[in-house]
Amino acid sequence: DQTAHIFESLVEADPTLKLCGLHTLDSCRIEKAYRHWGHDITDEDHVLEAGLGFTASRKKPAYIGRDAVLRKQDAGLDRKLVQFRLTDPEPLLFHNEAVVRDGKIVGPITSGNYGHHLGGAIGMGYVPCTGQTDADILGSTYEIEVAGVRHRATASLAPMYDPKSERVRA
């Protein structure tokens, strides 16, 4: 019930403050590779394939789903969520653009936006990786197809912005 008062106090204290919207928040989260429920992860995606294995420890005692995590770790992953940055800063990504790996379409961008800190379009998408190492995944050539045109992209399994979360923890 104090939200309006807090907002008005902030604006009074610093009239140079500007409002930002949902796309600003989305831009920040995509640069940090934070997953969006319903786009990047759903109840049908495996926690390890989504790059969220740190939330499901092997060392932790019994928890719901632990056996499934252990089985998947032992069997290997079929795909991994990868973050992409277009080398051309002009095209924009939203979602469902084709991810092209070594000349072959392998899936869609699950979500995308412009990354203001990184200076280009950033997106995430799942890449098949059965029997492959992280080096194999990152050693491929990637393009993202935007409006029928393929644009070269760099790939990363770690967040491209603040990969060690030093700014988040500052």
C-alpha atoms as a PDB file:
ATOM      1  CA  ASP A   1       0.000   0.000   0.000  1.00  0.00           C
ATOM      2  CA  GLN A   2       3.068   2.265   0.043  1.00  0.00           C
ATOM      3  CA  THR A   3       4.108   1.732  -3.582  1.00  0.00           C
ATOM      4  CA  ALA A   4       2.764   5.043  -4.889  1.00  0.00           C
ATOM      5  CA  HIS A   5       4.391   6.954  -2.024  1.00  0.00           C
ATOM      6  CA  ILE A   6       7.763   5.270  -2.631  1.00  0.00           C
ATOM      7  CA  PHE A   7       7.564   5.958  -6.374  1.00  0.00           C
ATOM      8  CA  GLU A   8       6.674   9.618  -5.839  1.00  0.00           C
ATOM      9  CA  SER A   9       9.472  10.005  -3.268  1.00  0.00           C
ATOM     10  CA  LEU A  10      12.035   8.583  -5.695  1.00  0.00           C
ATOM     11  CA  VAL A  11      10.929  10.869  -8.532  1.00  0.00           C
ATOM     12  CA  GLU A  12      10.990  13.885  -6.198  1.00  0.00           C
ATOM     13  CA  ALA A  13      14.464  13.000  -4.944  1.00  0.00           C
ATOM     14  CA  ASP A  14      15.870  12.688  -8.475  1.00  0.00           C
ATOM     15  CA  PRO A  15      13.799  14.201 -11.290  1.00  0.00           C
ATOM     16  CA  THR A  16      16.274  12.844 -13.874  1.00  0.00           C
ATOM     17  CA  LEU A  17      15.060   9.288 -13.223  1.00  0.00           C
ATOM     18  CA  LYS A  18      13.382   7.754 -16.251  1.00  0.00           C
ATOM     19  CA  LEU A  19      10.815   4.993 -16.398  1.00  0.00           C
ATOM     20  CA  CYS A  20      11.639   1.703 -18.044  1.00  0.00           C
ATOM     21  CA  GLY A  21       9.341  -0.997 -19.267  1.00  0.00           C
ATOM     22  CA  LEU A  22       9.146  -4.737 -19.566  1.00  0.00           C
ATOM     23  CA  HIS A  23      11.414  -4.849 -22.633  1.00  0.00           C
ATOM     24  CA  THR A  24      14.170  -3.191 -20.600  1.00  0.00           C
ATOM     25  CA  LEU A  25      13.919  -5.898 -17.966  1.00  0.00           C
ATOM     26  CA  ASP A  26      13.800  -8.564 -20.667  1.00  0.00           C
ATOM     27  CA  SER A  27      16.909  -7.095 -22.321  1.00  0.00           C
ATOM     28  CA  CYS A  28      18.807  -7.295 -19.029  1.00  0.00           C
ATOM     29  CA  ARG A  29      17.715 -10.854 -18.269  1.00  0.00           C
ATOM     30  CA  ILE A  30      18.575 -12.149 -21.744  1.00  0.00           C
ATOM     31  CA  GLU A  31      22.097 -10.671 -21.563  1.00  0.00           C
ATOM     32  CA  LYS A  32      22.579 -12.515 -18.268  1.00  0.00           C
ATOM     33  CA  ALA A  33      21.035 -15.663 -19.811  1.00  0.00           C
ATOM     34  CA  TYR A  34      18.339 -15.822 -17.149  1.00  0.00           C
ATOM     35  CA  ARG A  35      15.725 -18.294 -18.321  1.00  0.00           C
ATOM     36  CA  HIS A  36      12.131 -17.245 -18.946  1.00  0.00           C
ATOM     37  CA  TRP A  37       9.470 -19.713 -17.836  1.00  0.00           C
ATOM     38  CA  GLY A  38       7.294 -20.637 -20.783  1.00  0.00           C
ATOM     39  CA  HIS A  39       9.875 -19.713 -23.403  1.00  0.00           C
ATOM     40  CA  ASP A  40      13.323 -20.988 -22.395  1.00  0.00           C
ATOM     41  CA  ILE A  41      12.160 -23.556 -19.867  1.00  0.00           C
ATOM     42  CA  THR A  42       8.953 -25.466 -19.269  1.00  0.00           C
ATOM     43  CA  ASP A  43       7.950 -28.530 -17.304  1.00  0.00           C
ATOM     44  CA  GLU A  44       9.013 -30.603 -20.332  1.00  0.00           C
ATOM     45  CA  ASP A  45      12.645 -29.404 -20.307  1.00  0.00           C
ATOM     46  CA  HIS A  46      15.306 -31.177 -18.272  1.00  0.00           C
ATOM     47  CA  VAL A  47      17.056 -29.079 -15.651  1.00  0.00           C
ATOM     48  CA  LEU A  48      20.490 -30.199 -16.907  1.00  0.00           C
ATOM     49  CA  GLU A  49      19.732 -29.470 -20.562  1.00  0.00           C
ATOM     50  CA  ALA A  50      18.500 -26.008 -19.557  1.00  0.00           C
ATOM     51  CA  GLY A  51      21.863 -25.291 -17.919  1.00  0.00           C
ATOM     52  CA  LEU A  52      20.376 -25.205 -14.435  1.00  0.00           C
ATOM     53  CA  GLY A  53      22.192 -28.206 -12.987  1.00  0.00           C
ATOM     54  CA  PHE A  54      23.481 -26.080 -10.101  1.00  0.00           C
ATOM     55  CA  THR A  55      19.947 -26.258  -8.682  1.00  0.00           C
ATOM     56  CA  ALA A  56      19.968 -30.086  -8.564  1.00  0.00           C
ATOM     57  CA  SER A  57      23.040 -31.274  -6.687  1.00  0.00           C
ATOM     58  CA  ARG A  58      24.269 -34.874  -6.772  1.00  0.00           C
ATOM     59  CA  LYS A  59      25.511 -34.403  -3.214  1.00  0.00           C
ATOM     60  CA  LYS A  60      22.198 -33.288  -1.766  1.00  0.00           C
ATOM     61  CA  PRO A  61      20.221 -36.022   0.018  1.00  0.00           C
ATOM     62  CA  ALA A  62      17.014 -37.364  -1.494  1.00  0.00           C
ATOM     63  CA  TYR A  63      14.696 -34.840  -3.144  1.00  0.00           C
ATOM     64  CA  ILE A  64      11.873 -35.203  -5.650  1.00  0.00           C
ATOM     65  CA  GLY A  65      13.411 -35.735  -9.080  1.00  0.00           C
ATOM     66  CA  ARG A  66      16.916 -36.587  -7.828  1.00  0.00           C
ATOM     67  CA  ASP A  67      16.895 -40.033  -9.447  1.00  0.00           C
ATOM     68  CA  ALA A  68      15.896 -38.532 -12.813  1.00  0.00           C
ATOM     69  CA  VAL A  69      18.746 -36.005 -12.564  1.00  0.00           C
ATOM     70  CA  LEU A  70      21.251 -38.751 -11.752  1.00  0.00           C
ATOM     71  CA  ARG A  71      20.019 -40.908 -14.652  1.00  0.00           C
ATOM     72  CA  LYS A  72      20.321 -37.993 -17.081  1.00  0.00           C
ATOM     73  CA  GLN A  73      23.814 -37.138 -15.825  1.00  0.00           C
ATOM     74  CA  ASP A  74      24.890 -40.729 -16.356  1.00  0.00           C
ATOM     75  CA  ALA A  75      23.170 -41.127 -19.752  1.00  0.00           C
ATOM     76  CA  GLY A  76      24.313 -37.788 -21.158  1.00  0.00           C
ATOM     77  CA  LEU A  77      22.416 -34.831 -22.533  1.00  0.00           C
ATOM     78  CA  ASP A  78      20.543 -34.770 -25.830  1.00  0.00           C
ATOM     79  CA  ARG A  79      20.559 -30.983 -26.113  1.00  0.00           C
ATOM     80  CA  LYS A  80      21.787 -27.855 -24.339  1.00  0.00           C
ATOM     81  CA  LEU A  81      20.479 -24.333 -24.016  1.00  0.00           C
ATOM     82  CA  VAL A  82      22.968 -22.007 -25.705  1.00  0.00           C
ATOM     83  CA  GLN A  83      23.155 -18.217 -25.667  1.00  0.00           C
ATOM     84  CA  PHE A  84      23.805 -16.469 -28.999  1.00  0.00           C
ATOM     85  CA  ARG A  85      24.877 -12.960 -30.002  1.00  0.00           C
ATOM     86  CA  LEU A  86      24.523 -11.836 -33.589  1.00  0.00           C
ATOM     87  CA  THR A  87      27.728 -10.354 -35.002  1.00  0.00           C
ATOM     88  CA  ASP A  88      25.659  -7.792 -36.931  1.00  0.00           C
ATOM     89  CA  PRO A  89      24.153  -5.345 -34.386  1.00  0.00           C
ATOM     90  CA  GLU A  90      21.187  -4.384 -36.611  1.00  0.00           C
ATOM     91  CA  PRO A  91      18.816  -7.408 -36.723  1.00  0.00           C
ATOM     92  CA  LEU A  92      16.512  -8.003 -33.770  1.00  0.00           C
ATOM     93  CA  LEU A  93      15.573 -11.336 -32.217  1.00  0.00           C
ATOM     94  CA  PHE A  94      12.276 -12.102 -30.496  1.00  0.00           C
ATOM     95  CA  HIS A  95      11.708 -15.881 -30.547  1.00  0.00           C
ATOM     96  CA  ASN A  96      11.232 -18.730 -33.022  1.00  0.00           C
ATOM     97  CA  GLU A  97      14.006 -17.579 -35.381  1.00  0.00           C
ATOM     98  CA  ALA A  98      15.859 -20.604 -36.778  1.00  0.00           C
ATOM     99  CA  VAL A  99      19.148 -21.629 -35.155  1.00  0.00           C
ATOM    100  CA  VAL A 100      21.504 -22.863 -37.882  1.00  0.00           C
ATOM    101  CA  ARG A 101      24.462 -24.995 -36.810  1.00  0.00           C
ATOM    102  CA  ASP A 102      27.108 -25.820 -39.396  1.00  0.00           C
ATOM    103  CA  GLY A 103      24.629 -25.064 -42.181  1.00  0.00           C
ATOM    104  CA  LYS A 104      21.727 -27.115 -40.780  1.00  0.00           C
ATOM    105  CA  ILE A 105      18.651 -25.807 -38.946  1.00  0.00           C
ATOM    106  CA  VAL A 106      18.694 -27.422 -35.500  1.00  0.00           C
ATOM    107  CA  GLY A 107      15.914 -25.604 -33.656  1.00  0.00           C
ATOM    108  CA  PRO A 108      14.374 -22.244 -32.786  1.00  0.00           C
ATOM    109  CA  ILE A 109      15.457 -19.300 -30.682  1.00  0.00           C
ATOM    110  CA  THR A 110      13.416 -19.700 -27.491  1.00  0.00           C
ATOM    111  CA  SER A 111      13.659 -16.016 -26.604  1.00  0.00           C
ATOM    112  CA  GLY A 112      15.576 -12.997 -27.779  1.00  0.00           C
ATOM    113  CA  ASN A 113      15.986  -9.271 -27.388  1.00  0.00           C
ATOM    114  CA  TYR A 114      18.518  -6.515 -27.968  1.00  0.00           C
ATOM    115  CA  GLY A 115      21.385  -6.591 -25.470  1.00  0.00           C
ATOM    116  CA  HIS A 116      22.352  -2.997 -24.744  1.00  0.00           C
ATOM    117  CA  HIS A 117      25.460  -3.887 -22.729  1.00  0.00           C
ATOM    118  CA  LEU A 118      26.596  -6.395 -25.360  1.00  0.00           C
ATOM    119  CA  GLY A 119      25.703  -4.205 -28.331  1.00  0.00           C
ATOM    120  CA  GLY A 120      23.643  -6.605 -30.389  1.00  0.00           C
ATOM    121  CA  ALA A 121      20.774  -9.047 -30.589  1.00  0.00           C
ATOM    122  CA  ILE A 122      20.954 -11.794 -27.963  1.00  0.00           C
ATOM    123  CA  GLY A 123      18.969 -15.015 -28.038  1.00  0.00           C
ATOM    124  CA  MET A 124      18.829 -18.440 -26.480  1.00  0.00           C
ATOM    125  CA  GLY A 125      17.976 -21.753 -28.051  1.00  0.00           C
ATOM    126  CA  TYR A 126      18.478 -25.481 -27.587  1.00  0.00           C
ATOM    127  CA  VAL A 127      21.173 -27.183 -29.644  1.00  0.00           C
ATOM    128  CA  PRO A 128      21.358 -30.987 -30.107  1.00  0.00           C
ATOM    129  CA  CYS A 129      24.478 -32.377 -28.421  1.00  0.00           C
ATOM    130  CA  THR A 130      24.131 -36.159 -28.011  1.00  0.00           C
ATOM    131  CA  GLY A 131      27.611 -37.577 -27.445  1.00  0.00           C
ATOM    132  CA  GLN A 132      29.265 -34.173 -27.798  1.00  0.00           C
ATOM    133  CA  THR A 133      31.446 -32.137 -25.490  1.00  0.00           C
ATOM    134  CA  ASP A 134      31.000 -28.467 -24.693  1.00  0.00           C
ATOM    135  CA  ALA A 135      34.008 -27.818 -26.949  1.00  0.00           C
ATOM    136  CA  ASP A 136      32.173 -29.561 -29.816  1.00  0.00           C
ATOM    137  CA  ILE A 137      29.120 -27.362 -29.269  1.00  0.00           C
ATOM    138  CA  LEU A 138      31.117 -24.145 -29.092  1.00  0.00           C
ATOM    139  CA  GLY A 139      33.381 -25.181 -31.980  1.00  0.00           C
ATOM    140  CA  SER A 140      30.502 -25.170 -34.446  1.00  0.00           C
ATOM    141  CA  THR A 141      29.570 -22.305 -36.747  1.00  0.00           C
ATOM    142  CA  TYR A 142      26.232 -20.687 -35.909  1.00  0.00           C
ATOM    143  CA  GLU A 143      23.812 -18.488 -37.772  1.00  0.00           C
ATOM    144  CA  ILE A 144      20.382 -17.235 -36.792  1.00  0.00           C
ATOM    145  CA  GLU A 145      17.834 -16.781 -39.550  1.00  0.00           C
ATOM    146  CA  VAL A 146      15.959 -13.481 -39.212  1.00  0.00           C
ATOM    147  CA  ALA A 147      13.247 -12.708 -41.782  1.00  0.00           C
ATOM    148  CA  GLY A 148      14.768 -15.187 -44.237  1.00  0.00           C
ATOM    149  CA  VAL A 149      18.339 -13.873 -43.905  1.00  0.00           C
ATOM    150  CA  ARG A 150      21.036 -15.801 -42.033  1.00  0.00           C
ATOM    151  CA  HIS A 151      23.237 -13.806 -39.663  1.00  0.00           C
ATOM    152  CA  ARG A 152      26.444 -15.156 -38.102  1.00  0.00           C
ATOM    153  CA  ALA A 153      26.298 -15.614 -34.354  1.00  0.00           C
ATOM    154  CA  THR A 154      28.691 -16.381 -31.539  1.00  0.00           C
ATOM    155  CA  ALA A 155      27.643 -19.045 -29.054  1.00  0.00           C
ATOM    156  CA  SER A 156      28.214 -19.376 -25.333  1.00  0.00           C
ATOM    157  CA  LEU A 157      27.228 -21.839 -22.628  1.00  0.00           C
ATOM    158  CA  ALA A 158      27.938 -19.236 -19.937  1.00  0.00           C
ATOM    159  CA  PRO A 159      26.191 -15.874 -19.691  1.00  0.00           C
ATOM    160  CA  MET A 160      27.849 -13.445 -22.093  1.00  0.00           C
ATOM    161  CA  TYR A 161      27.263 -10.581 -19.674  1.00  0.00           C
ATOM    162  CA  ASP A 162      28.764 -10.914 -16.194  1.00  0.00           C
ATOM    163  CA  PRO A 163      29.513 -14.661 -16.533  1.00  0.00           C
ATOM    164  CA  LYS A 164      30.818 -14.961 -12.954  1.00  0.00           C
ATOM    165  CA  SER A 165      27.948 -12.865 -11.519  1.00  0.00           C
ATOM    166  CA  GLU A 166      30.399 -10.381 -10.026  1.00  0.00           C
ATOM    167  CA  ARG A 167      28.113  -7.434 -10.805  1.00  0.00           C
ATOM    168  CA  VAL A 168      25.072  -9.268  -9.462  1.00  0.00           C
ATOM    169  CA  ARG A 169      26.833  -9.873  -6.152  1.00  0.00           C
ATOM    170  CA  ALA A 170      28.406  -6.395  -5.916  1.00  0.00           C
END
